[in-house]
Protein backbone atom coordinates (compact mmCIF):
# COMPACT_ATOMS: atom_id res chain seq x y z
CA MET A 1 81.67 140.30 80.29
CA ASN A 2 83.38 140.11 76.75
CA LYS A 3 86.55 139.48 76.82
CA ILE A 4 88.24 137.67 80.45
CA ILE A 5 91.78 136.12 80.72
CA VAL A 6 92.46 133.47 83.61
CA ILE A 7 95.22 132.73 84.75
CA GLY A 8 97.81 131.39 87.74
CA SER A 9 100.17 128.76 88.26
CA PRO A 10 99.73 125.34 86.44
CA GLY A 11 97.60 122.96 88.38
CA ALA A 12 95.73 125.43 89.97
CA GLY A 13 92.55 124.93 88.24
CA LYS A 14 92.63 127.51 85.62
CA SER A 15 91.60 125.00 82.19
CA THR A 16 88.70 123.29 84.61
CA PHE A 17 86.98 126.37 85.41
CA ALA A 18 88.14 128.64 82.17
CA ARG A 19 85.80 125.36 80.15
CA ALA A 20 83.58 125.68 83.17
CA LEU A 21 82.88 129.56 82.08
CA ALA A 22 83.09 128.96 78.33
CA VAL A 23 79.74 126.62 79.30
CA LYS A 24 78.39 129.10 81.19
CA THR A 25 78.82 132.37 78.85
CA GLY A 26 79.16 130.85 75.57
CA LEU A 27 82.30 132.45 75.26
CA PRO A 28 85.29 131.37 72.97
CA LEU A 29 87.59 129.43 74.98
CA PHE A 30 91.34 129.57 73.74
CA TYR A 31 94.27 127.81 75.67
CA LEU A 32 97.80 129.94 74.84
CA ASP A 33 99.71 126.04 75.30
CA MET A 34 97.78 124.73 72.52
CA ILE A 35 99.36 127.89 70.77
CA PHE A 36 102.33 127.52 72.24
CA HIS A 37 103.24 123.52 71.89
CA ARG A 38 103.02 121.57 69.29
CA PRO A 39 102.19 117.84 69.51
CA ASP A 40 105.84 116.60 69.57
CA LYS A 41 106.50 118.71 72.06
CA THR A 42 108.61 121.31 70.20
CA THR A 43 106.76 125.08 71.17
CA VAL A 44 106.06 128.15 67.85
CA LEU A 45 108.51 131.07 67.08
CA PRO A 46 107.47 133.85 69.40
CA GLU A 47 106.67 136.46 66.69
CA ALA A 48 104.27 133.05 65.28
CA PHE A 49 102.51 132.90 69.04
CA ASP A 50 102.55 136.98 69.34
CA LYS A 51 100.75 136.65 65.96
CA LYS A 52 97.88 134.20 66.95
CA LEU A 53 97.71 136.41 70.07
CA GLY A 54 97.26 139.03 68.66
CA GLU A 55 94.40 137.54 65.63
CA ILE A 56 92.07 136.70 68.92
CA ILE A 57 92.41 139.64 71.00
CA LYS A 58 90.98 141.79 68.02
CA GLN A 59 87.74 139.21 68.44
CA PRO A 60 84.88 140.94 70.20
CA GLN A 61 85.08 137.55 72.49
CA TRP A 62 87.29 135.57 74.04
CA ILE A 63 87.96 133.63 76.92
CA ILE A 64 92.35 133.41 77.61
CA ASP A 65 93.14 130.59 79.24
CA GLY A 66 97.24 130.95 80.33
CA ASN A 67 100.13 132.57 81.56
CA TYR A 68 102.91 133.31 79.58
CA LEU A 69 103.74 136.26 81.01
CA ARG A 70 105.79 138.55 78.24
CA THR A 71 101.88 138.50 77.07
CA LEU A 72 100.43 139.73 80.72
CA PRO A 73 100.86 142.90 79.62
CA LEU A 74 99.29 142.95 76.81
CA ARG A 75 96.44 140.94 77.95
CA PHE A 76 95.24 142.60 80.58
CA GLU A 77 95.28 145.72 78.43
CA HIS A 78 92.62 143.80 76.17
CA CYS A 79 90.56 142.43 79.28
CA GLU A 80 86.88 142.90 80.35
CA ARG A 81 87.79 140.79 82.94
CA VAL A 82 90.10 138.86 84.75
CA PHE A 83 90.03 135.08 86.80
CA PHE A 84 93.77 134.55 89.20
CA PHE A 85 94.12 131.05 90.50
CA ASP A 86 96.36 132.45 93.89
CA MET A 87 96.99 129.28 94.94
CA PRO A 88 99.12 126.85 97.29
CA VAL A 89 102.26 125.48 95.53
CA ASP A 90 101.41 122.14 97.41
CA VAL A 91 97.49 122.40 95.49
CA CYS A 92 99.38 123.79 92.37
CA LEU A 93 101.92 120.53 92.78
CA GLU A 94 99.30 117.86 92.94
CA GLY A 95 97.07 119.44 90.66
CA ALA A 96 99.59 118.87 88.35
CA ALA A 97 100.77 115.50 88.99
CA ALA A 98 96.86 114.36 88.83
CA ARG A 99 96.22 115.17 85.94
CA VAL A 100 99.90 113.06 83.93
CA GLY A 101 98.53 110.32 81.79
CA THR A 102 94.93 112.49 81.05
CA VAL A 103 94.50 113.43 77.34
CA ARG A 104 93.77 116.90 78.15
CA GLU A 105 92.02 119.16 75.09
CA ASP A 106 94.50 122.50 77.07
CA LEU A 107 97.42 121.15 75.73
CA PRO A 108 98.39 119.33 72.56
CA TRP A 109 100.15 115.30 73.71
CA VAL A 110 99.32 113.29 76.88
CA GLU A 111 102.11 113.60 80.00
CA THR A 112 103.37 110.67 81.06
CA GLU A 113 105.95 112.12 83.91
CA PHE A 114 105.36 114.37 86.32
CA ASP A 115 108.81 116.36 85.00
CA ALA A 116 111.44 117.80 87.45
CA ASP A 117 111.38 121.35 84.92
CA PHE A 118 107.52 121.65 85.51
CA ARG A 119 107.74 120.88 88.70
CA GLN A 120 110.16 123.26 89.88
CA TYR A 121 108.61 125.25 87.13
CA ILE A 122 105.39 125.47 89.81
CA ILE A 123 107.12 125.58 92.74
CA ASP A 124 109.38 129.16 91.73
CA PHE A 125 105.67 130.31 90.45
CA PRO A 126 105.25 132.55 93.43
CA LYS A 127 108.43 134.56 93.57
CA ASP A 128 109.07 134.29 89.86
CA GLN A 129 105.94 135.36 88.86
CA LEU A 130 103.25 136.27 91.53
CA PRO A 131 105.11 139.74 91.82
CA VAL A 132 104.31 140.83 88.58
CA ILE A 133 100.89 138.73 88.53
CA TYR A 134 100.26 141.27 91.11
CA ARG A 135 102.23 144.87 89.99
CA LEU A 136 99.09 144.41 86.27
CA ILE A 137 96.07 142.94 89.20
CA ASP A 138 97.34 147.00 91.06
CA GLN A 139 98.20 148.60 88.23
CA TYR A 140 94.10 147.32 86.03
CA LYS A 141 92.74 146.79 89.48
CA ASP A 142 90.82 150.37 89.04
CA THR A 143 89.19 149.66 84.94
CA ARG A 144 89.21 146.06 85.41
CA ARG A 145 87.00 143.69 87.14
CA ILE A 146 89.46 141.58 88.90
CA VAL A 147 88.54 138.08 90.87
CA ILE A 148 90.83 135.89 92.45
CA PHE A 149 90.53 132.56 94.16
CA ARG A 150 92.86 131.56 96.52
CA SER A 151 90.96 127.79 96.55
CA ARG A 152 89.07 125.79 93.99
CA ALA A 153 86.51 126.32 95.76
CA GLU A 154 86.04 129.87 96.24
CA ALA A 155 85.99 129.46 91.91
CA ASN A 156 82.95 126.70 92.58
CA ALA A 157 80.80 128.81 94.77
CA TYR A 158 81.32 131.24 92.05
CA LEU A 159 80.65 129.36 89.30
CA GLU A 160 77.23 127.73 91.29
CA LYS A 161 75.76 131.47 91.44
CA GLY A 162 76.09 132.15 88.47
CA VAL A 163 77.96 134.20 86.07
């Protein structure tokens, strides 16, 4: 297990899991939000994002945390294992709201409010992103190890069992 993606809705617990997984495995961890967003809350151009992602994917080992649906097929193509957090919307909303005001290593600024657009993105995640994710899972289910968590307890139990 050298190339891993961790995906799911914001607030689901992806980054927390990815950090714990990186500690357990010793694999380098890359947060897509840190690549895409600048500290001033602007974003990089798609070409710059794609270039950096391409550099990461060429490395022999990695954990990549984040969705960025446009680049998900590329990451599925290059990964060996997928951890997918398919959590209820209310859990994701609570998770995203709880981190407001917290310094995080996976985002280059501290969120000062639970932005209405971001909240709506989480609410729309099941209809906008889940179909694409499940199509990719179906496409790669025979060639990739795919683990789907439907609760944080499942993710924690996985980590406790050993990787």
